[in-house]
Protein backbone atom coordinates (compact mmCIF):
# COMPACT_ATOMS: atom_id res chain seq x y z
CA MET A 1 1.96 -29.72 -42.52
CA LEU A 2 0.73 -29.89 -46.10
CA ARG A 3 4.24 -30.76 -47.27
CA TYR A 4 4.40 -33.79 -44.94
CA LEU A 5 0.92 -34.90 -45.95
CA PHE A 6 1.92 -34.71 -49.63
CA ALA A 7 5.15 -36.65 -48.92
CA SER A 8 3.20 -39.34 -47.05
CA ILE A 9 0.60 -39.66 -49.82
CA SER A 10 3.34 -39.76 -52.47
CA LEU A 11 5.12 -42.48 -50.52
CA LEU A 12 1.94 -44.55 -50.21
CA VAL A 13 1.19 -44.27 -53.92
CA TRP A 14 4.77 -45.09 -54.84
CA CYS A 15 4.88 -48.07 -52.43
CA ALA A 16 1.63 -49.42 -53.78
CA SER A 17 3.21 -49.78 -57.20
CA ALA A 18 6.55 -51.18 -55.96
CA GLN A 19 7.16 -54.90 -55.76
CA ALA A 20 8.05 -56.59 -52.45
CA GLN A 21 8.00 -53.44 -50.35
CA VAL A 22 8.64 -53.49 -46.61
CA GLY A 23 8.00 -50.71 -44.16
CA PRO A 24 8.06 -49.00 -41.97
CA MET A 25 10.63 -51.43 -40.65
CA LYS A 26 12.81 -50.98 -37.57
CA ALA A 27 16.06 -52.84 -38.18
CA ILE A 28 19.82 -52.76 -38.11
CA LEU A 29 20.97 -51.97 -41.64
CA CYS A 30 24.47 -52.51 -43.01
CA ASP A 31 26.13 -51.09 -46.11
CA SER A 32 27.25 -54.52 -47.34
CA GLN A 33 26.29 -58.17 -47.19
CA ALA A 34 29.72 -59.02 -45.72
CA GLN A 35 29.21 -56.51 -42.88
CA MET A 36 25.82 -58.01 -42.04
CA ALA A 37 27.28 -61.55 -42.11
CA MET A 38 30.08 -60.45 -39.75
CA LEU A 39 27.56 -58.80 -37.41
CA LEU A 40 25.48 -62.00 -37.27
CA GLU A 41 28.55 -64.19 -36.73
CA LEU A 42 29.67 -62.01 -33.81
CA LYS A 43 26.20 -61.76 -32.24
CA PHE A 44 24.83 -65.26 -32.76
CA GLY A 45 27.91 -67.38 -33.46
CA GLY A 46 30.18 -65.63 -30.96
CA GLY A 47 27.64 -64.62 -28.32
CA MET A 48 28.76 -60.98 -28.37
CA PRO A 49 26.23 -58.33 -27.20
CA MET A 50 24.67 -56.53 -30.19
CA GLN A 51 26.14 -53.11 -29.32
CA ASP A 52 29.65 -54.61 -29.11
CA ALA A 53 29.14 -56.48 -32.38
CA LEU A 54 28.00 -53.22 -34.06
CA LYS A 55 31.09 -51.39 -32.77
CA ALA A 56 33.39 -54.17 -34.03
CA VAL A 57 31.86 -54.21 -37.54
CA ASN A 58 31.89 -50.41 -37.78
CA LYS A 59 35.52 -50.25 -36.59
CA LYS A 60 36.59 -52.80 -39.21
CA ALA A 61 34.67 -50.87 -41.90
CA GLY A 62 36.24 -47.58 -40.81
CA LYS A 63 32.79 -45.94 -40.63
CA THR A 64 30.79 -45.09 -37.54
CA ARG A 65 27.52 -46.01 -39.27
CA ALA A 66 28.43 -48.87 -41.63
CA CYS A 67 25.83 -50.81 -39.61
CA ALA A 68 23.25 -48.82 -37.65
CA HIS A 69 19.73 -48.87 -36.22
CA SER A 70 17.19 -47.32 -38.61
CA ILE A 71 13.49 -47.10 -39.39
CA VAL A 72 13.03 -47.33 -43.15
CA TYR A 73 10.72 -48.19 -46.02
CA MET A 74 12.29 -50.54 -48.57
CA HIS A 75 11.43 -52.17 -51.85
CA LYS A 76 12.97 -54.77 -54.16
CA VAL A 77 13.64 -56.86 -51.05
CA LYS A 78 15.08 -60.33 -51.56
CA VAL A 79 17.03 -63.01 -49.71
CA VAL A 80 20.71 -62.98 -50.70
CA GLN A 81 22.16 -65.41 -48.15
CA THR A 82 20.99 -67.86 -45.50
CA LEU A 83 23.17 -68.54 -42.45
CA THR A 84 22.80 -71.28 -39.84
CA LEU A 85 24.64 -70.40 -36.64
CA GLU A 86 24.74 -72.01 -33.22
CA GLN A 87 23.59 -70.03 -30.19
CA ASN A 88 23.40 -71.66 -26.75
CA GLY A 89 23.49 -75.11 -28.32
CA LYS A 90 20.60 -74.40 -30.69
CA ALA A 91 20.66 -73.72 -34.43
CA VAL A 92 19.64 -70.21 -35.43
CA VAL A 93 18.70 -69.77 -39.09
CA LEU A 94 18.96 -66.24 -40.46
CA ASN A 95 18.30 -64.72 -43.87
CA ILE A 96 20.38 -61.78 -45.00
CA MET A 97 18.04 -59.57 -47.00
CA ARG A 98 18.93 -56.98 -49.64
CA GLY A 99 16.68 -54.06 -50.45
CA ASP A 100 16.61 -50.50 -51.73
CA VAL A 101 15.73 -47.83 -49.19
CA ILE A 102 12.97 -45.57 -50.52
CA ALA A 103 12.23 -43.54 -47.37
CA VAL A 104 13.51 -42.98 -43.86
CA GLN A 105 11.17 -42.46 -40.91
CA THR A 106 11.82 -39.19 -39.05
CA GLN A 107 10.03 -37.42 -36.20
CA PHE A 108 8.00 -35.58 -38.88
CA GLY A 109 7.05 -38.70 -40.83
CA PRO A 110 8.60 -40.53 -43.78
CA VAL A 111 11.15 -38.66 -45.90
CA MET A 112 11.77 -39.95 -49.42
CA VAL A 113 15.34 -41.00 -50.28
CA LYS A 114 16.60 -39.67 -53.58
CA PRO A 115 19.03 -42.17 -55.12
CA THR A 116 21.79 -41.07 -57.44
CA PRO A 117 20.92 -41.43 -61.16
CA ASN A 118 22.47 -44.90 -61.55
CA GLN A 119 22.44 -46.23 -58.01
CA ALA A 120 19.76 -46.85 -55.40
CA LEU A 121 20.49 -46.72 -51.68
CA THR A 122 20.91 -50.49 -51.22
CA GLN A 123 21.16 -51.80 -47.67
CA PHE A 124 21.25 -55.21 -45.99
CA TYR A 125 19.36 -56.49 -42.95
CA ALA A 126 18.75 -59.88 -41.32
CA GLN A 127 15.63 -61.77 -40.44
CA LYS A 128 15.41 -64.83 -38.20
CA LEU A 129 13.37 -67.60 -39.74
CA LYS A 130 10.25 -68.83 -37.93
CA GLN A 131 9.55 -65.52 -36.20
CA PRO A 132 6.53 -63.24 -36.36
CA ALA A 133 6.32 -61.28 -39.61
CA GLY A 134 7.80 -57.82 -39.50
CA TYR A 135 10.45 -58.61 -36.88
CA SER A 136 14.01 -57.88 -38.00
CA ILE A 137 17.32 -58.03 -36.24
């Protein structure tokens, strides 16, 4: 119990000093910007159900979790691409966001992610424009 309390306090202190942090955030994360763009094209541009779009992207990537549902804390979040797709005759504007994962939410609370010495755990997610804050695809 004390260990989890310490981890949570450490995460809060660390997040307070980080710039542009987000979390906890429930989202679909992808390993690359291209994978996220493909997922959005299939889902919004092609009308494919999300689960089928996830399977298609993961199959092409050759990884079962190239894109997956997660609950994470991120920092250094920024927009890297904006897409405008058509869904049911209406324009849907989406931002592809890039950020470094700093913790993953588990049943015991947040667990810090330890990046390799020269590389952070960078992931990509999407956000529809003109939606309530905190909602991610």
